[in-house]
Amino acid sequence: MNSLWKSFFGFAEDNPNETYEEAVERAKRLLAEHNYEDACRVLKYAERQNHAEAMYCLAQCYWDGTGVREDAGRAIALWRKSAKLGFEPAVRRSEELRAAKAQCEKEARKPEEE
């Protein structure tokens, strides 16, 4: 029964001592193989354990709608949470999104200024 819950949440059945880091690496391999649903199941579990890289990868899945329903708001929230944990790719992505938002707001104000 112990291995049943681990396989349900995405841990490898052939490695009952799999760490979150190993599970995230396996999820990344699953993503590369286009097995999005299984990858997202693994990433969601690791995300609940505050694993920053899992949050980053899961955010991309939400952004693209791969393995989960497309949800830009959830993706941005996960990237921000991952960035707060210091995961550098998430920090860069969050900065890119802030810059894009600022640019959009600037463009939206232009007609009013003319």
C-alpha atoms as a PDB file:
ATOM      1  CA  MET A   1       0.000   0.000   0.000  1.00  0.00           C
ATOM      2  CA  ASN A   2       2.876   2.374   0.741  1.00  0.00           C
ATOM      3  CA  SER A   3       4.092   2.336  -2.874  1.00  0.00           C
ATOM      4  CA  LEU A   4       0.532   2.851  -4.144  1.00  0.00           C
ATOM      5  CA  TRP A   5       0.263   6.423  -2.878  1.00  0.00           C
ATOM      6  CA  LYS A   6       3.751   7.202  -4.138  1.00  0.00           C
ATOM      7  CA  SER A   7       2.925   5.993  -7.636  1.00  0.00           C
ATOM      8  CA  PHE A   8      -0.351   7.933  -7.535  1.00  0.00           C
ATOM      9  CA  PHE A   9       1.489  11.149  -6.708  1.00  0.00           C
ATOM     10  CA  GLY A  10       4.137  10.545  -9.323  1.00  0.00           C
ATOM     11  CA  PHE A  11       7.027   8.876  -7.564  1.00  0.00           C
ATOM     12  CA  ALA A  12       8.755   6.113  -9.468  1.00  0.00           C
ATOM     13  CA  GLU A  13       7.518   2.657  -8.584  1.00  0.00           C
ATOM     14  CA  ASP A  14      10.967   1.241  -9.300  1.00  0.00           C
ATOM     15  CA  ASN A  15      12.603   3.650  -6.828  1.00  0.00           C
ATOM     16  CA  PRO A  16      10.653   3.915  -3.565  1.00  0.00           C
ATOM     17  CA  ASN A  17      13.298   6.278  -2.141  1.00  0.00           C
ATOM     18  CA  GLU A  18      13.034   8.800  -4.987  1.00  0.00           C
ATOM     19  CA  THR A  19      13.686  12.356  -3.823  1.00  0.00           C
ATOM     20  CA  TYR A  20      11.788  15.424  -5.022  1.00  0.00           C
ATOM     21  CA  GLU A  21      14.808  16.416  -7.097  1.00  0.00           C
ATOM     22  CA  GLU A  22      14.825  13.015  -8.786  1.00  0.00           C
ATOM     23  CA  ALA A  23      11.073  13.200  -9.319  1.00  0.00           C
ATOM     24  CA  VAL A  24      11.408  16.619 -10.965  1.00  0.00           C
ATOM     25  CA  GLU A  25      14.161  15.305 -13.240  1.00  0.00           C
ATOM     26  CA  ARG A  26      11.856  12.429 -14.194  1.00  0.00           C
ATOM     27  CA  ALA A  27       9.049  14.910 -14.849  1.00  0.00           C
ATOM     28  CA  LYS A  28      11.331  16.910 -17.141  1.00  0.00           C
ATOM     29  CA  ARG A  29      12.107  13.722 -19.076  1.00  0.00           C
ATOM     30  CA  LEU A  30       8.373  13.024 -19.322  1.00  0.00           C
ATOM     31  CA  LEU A  31       7.834  16.552 -20.677  1.00  0.00           C
ATOM     32  CA  ALA A  32      10.530  15.964 -23.297  1.00  0.00           C
ATOM     33  CA  GLU A  33       8.696  12.765 -24.272  1.00  0.00           C
ATOM     34  CA  HIS A  34       5.418  14.740 -24.544  1.00  0.00           C
ATOM     35  CA  ASN A  35       3.901  12.760 -21.664  1.00  0.00           C
ATOM     36  CA  TYR A  36       2.444  15.937 -20.200  1.00  0.00           C
ATOM     37  CA  GLU A  37      -0.232  14.487 -17.934  1.00  0.00           C
ATOM     38  CA  ASP A  38       2.156  12.232 -16.031  1.00  0.00           C
ATOM     39  CA  ALA A  39       4.748  14.986 -15.852  1.00  0.00           C
ATOM     40  CA  CYS A  40       2.224  17.453 -14.458  1.00  0.00           C
ATOM     41  CA  ARG A  41       1.083  14.955 -11.833  1.00  0.00           C
ATOM     42  CA  VAL A  42       4.679  14.662 -10.610  1.00  0.00           C
ATOM     43  CA  LEU A  43       5.238  18.422 -10.760  1.00  0.00           C
ATOM     44  CA  LYS A  44       2.029  19.206  -8.858  1.00  0.00           C
ATOM     45  CA  TYR A  45       3.099  16.971  -6.006  1.00  0.00           C
ATOM     46  CA  ALA A  46       6.590  18.475  -5.846  1.00  0.00           C
ATOM     47  CA  GLU A  47       5.063  21.965  -6.101  1.00  0.00           C
ATOM     48  CA  ARG A  48       2.957  21.266  -3.012  1.00  0.00           C
ATOM     49  CA  GLN A  49       6.234  20.541  -1.233  1.00  0.00           C
ATOM     50  CA  ASN A  50       7.533  24.019  -2.252  1.00  0.00           C
ATOM     51  CA  HIS A  51      10.034  22.700  -4.769  1.00  0.00           C
ATOM     52  CA  ALA A  52      11.000  25.821  -6.741  1.00  0.00           C
ATOM     53  CA  GLU A  53      12.058  24.078  -9.956  1.00  0.00           C
ATOM     54  CA  ALA A  54       8.845  22.032 -10.004  1.00  0.00           C
ATOM     55  CA  MET A  55       6.851  25.255  -9.679  1.00  0.00           C
ATOM     56  CA  TYR A  56       8.764  26.768 -12.571  1.00  0.00           C
ATOM     57  CA  CYS A  57       8.179  23.757 -14.828  1.00  0.00           C
ATOM     58  CA  LEU A  58       4.529  23.462 -13.837  1.00  0.00           C
ATOM     59  CA  ALA A  59       4.044  27.164 -14.550  1.00  0.00           C
ATOM     60  CA  GLN A  60       5.238  26.607 -18.109  1.00  0.00           C
ATOM     61  CA  CYS A  61       2.719  23.773 -18.454  1.00  0.00           C
ATOM     62  CA  TYR A  62      -0.085  26.082 -17.317  1.00  0.00           C
ATOM     63  CA  TRP A  63       1.163  28.825 -19.648  1.00  0.00           C
ATOM     64  CA  ASP A  64       1.183  26.484 -22.660  1.00  0.00           C
ATOM     65  CA  GLY A  65      -1.782  24.335 -21.639  1.00  0.00           C
ATOM     66  CA  THR A  66       0.259  21.132 -21.789  1.00  0.00           C
ATOM     67  CA  GLY A  67      -0.997  18.434 -19.433  1.00  0.00           C
ATOM     68  CA  VAL A  68      -3.242  20.925 -17.664  1.00  0.00           C
ATOM     69  CA  ARG A  69      -5.827  23.470 -18.727  1.00  0.00           C
ATOM     70  CA  GLU A  70      -4.204  26.679 -19.957  1.00  0.00           C
ATOM     71  CA  ASP A  71      -4.209  29.225 -17.123  1.00  0.00           C
ATOM     72  CA  ALA A  72      -1.953  32.266 -17.463  1.00  0.00           C
ATOM     73  CA  GLY A  73      -2.863  33.557 -13.997  1.00  0.00           C
ATOM     74  CA  ARG A  74      -1.846  30.290 -12.339  1.00  0.00           C
ATOM     75  CA  ALA A  75       1.359  30.221 -14.404  1.00  0.00           C
ATOM     76  CA  ILE A  76       2.324  33.734 -13.330  1.00  0.00           C
ATOM     77  CA  ALA A  77       1.542  32.969  -9.686  1.00  0.00           C
ATOM     78  CA  LEU A  78       3.745  29.870  -9.796  1.00  0.00           C
ATOM     79  CA  TRP A  79       6.604  31.743 -11.468  1.00  0.00           C
ATOM     80  CA  ARG A  80       6.402  34.436  -8.787  1.00  0.00           C
ATOM     81  CA  LYS A  81       6.345  31.852  -5.996  1.00  0.00           C
ATOM     82  CA  SER A  82       9.323  30.041  -7.525  1.00  0.00           C
ATOM     83  CA  ALA A  83      11.153  33.363  -7.895  1.00  0.00           C
ATOM     84  CA  LYS A  84      10.549  34.168  -4.222  1.00  0.00           C
ATOM     85  CA  LEU A  85      12.247  30.864  -3.402  1.00  0.00           C
ATOM     86  CA  GLY A  86      15.255  32.083  -5.411  1.00  0.00           C
ATOM     87  CA  PHE A  87      15.011  29.880  -8.502  1.00  0.00           C
ATOM     88  CA  GLU A  88      16.943  32.003 -11.002  1.00  0.00           C
ATOM     89  CA  PRO A  89      15.045  31.083 -14.206  1.00  0.00           C
ATOM     90  CA  ALA A  90      11.812  32.032 -12.421  1.00  0.00           C
ATOM     91  CA  VAL A  91      13.342  35.324 -11.285  1.00  0.00           C
ATOM     92  CA  ARG A  92      14.228  36.137 -14.907  1.00  0.00           C
ATOM     93  CA  ARG A  93      10.785  35.084 -16.160  1.00  0.00           C
ATOM     94  CA  SER A  94       9.060  37.210 -13.509  1.00  0.00           C
ATOM     95  CA  GLU A  95      11.179  40.212 -14.521  1.00  0.00           C
ATOM     96  CA  GLU A  96      10.296  39.633 -18.195  1.00  0.00           C
ATOM     97  CA  LEU A  97       6.602  39.524 -17.337  1.00  0.00           C
ATOM     98  CA  ARG A  98       6.856  42.715 -15.255  1.00  0.00           C
ATOM     99  CA  ALA A  99       8.595  44.485 -18.147  1.00  0.00           C
ATOM    100  CA  ALA A 100       5.964  43.249 -20.624  1.00  0.00           C
ATOM    101  CA  LYS A 101       3.160  44.430 -18.338  1.00  0.00           C
ATOM    102  CA  ALA A 102       4.792  47.849 -17.986  1.00  0.00           C
ATOM    103  CA  GLN A 103       5.168  48.106 -21.766  1.00  0.00           C
ATOM    104  CA  CYS A 104       1.510  47.194 -22.297  1.00  0.00           C
ATOM    105  CA  GLU A 105       0.412  49.799 -19.766  1.00  0.00           C
ATOM    106  CA  LYS A 106       2.612  52.402 -21.459  1.00  0.00           C
ATOM    107  CA  GLU A 107       1.152  51.531 -24.880  1.00  0.00           C
ATOM    108  CA  ALA A 108      -2.393  51.688 -23.496  1.00  0.00           C
ATOM    109  CA  ARG A 109      -1.792  55.257 -22.225  1.00  0.00           C
ATOM    110  CA  LYS A 110      -0.388  56.553 -25.540  1.00  0.00           C
ATOM    111  CA  PRO A 111      -3.744  57.322 -27.213  1.00  0.00           C
ATOM    112  CA  GLU A 112      -4.829  59.324 -24.178  1.00  0.00           C
ATOM    113  CA  GLU A 113      -1.695  61.466 -24.381  1.00  0.00           C
ATOM    114  CA  GLU A 114      -2.176  62.355 -28.067  1.00  0.00           C
END
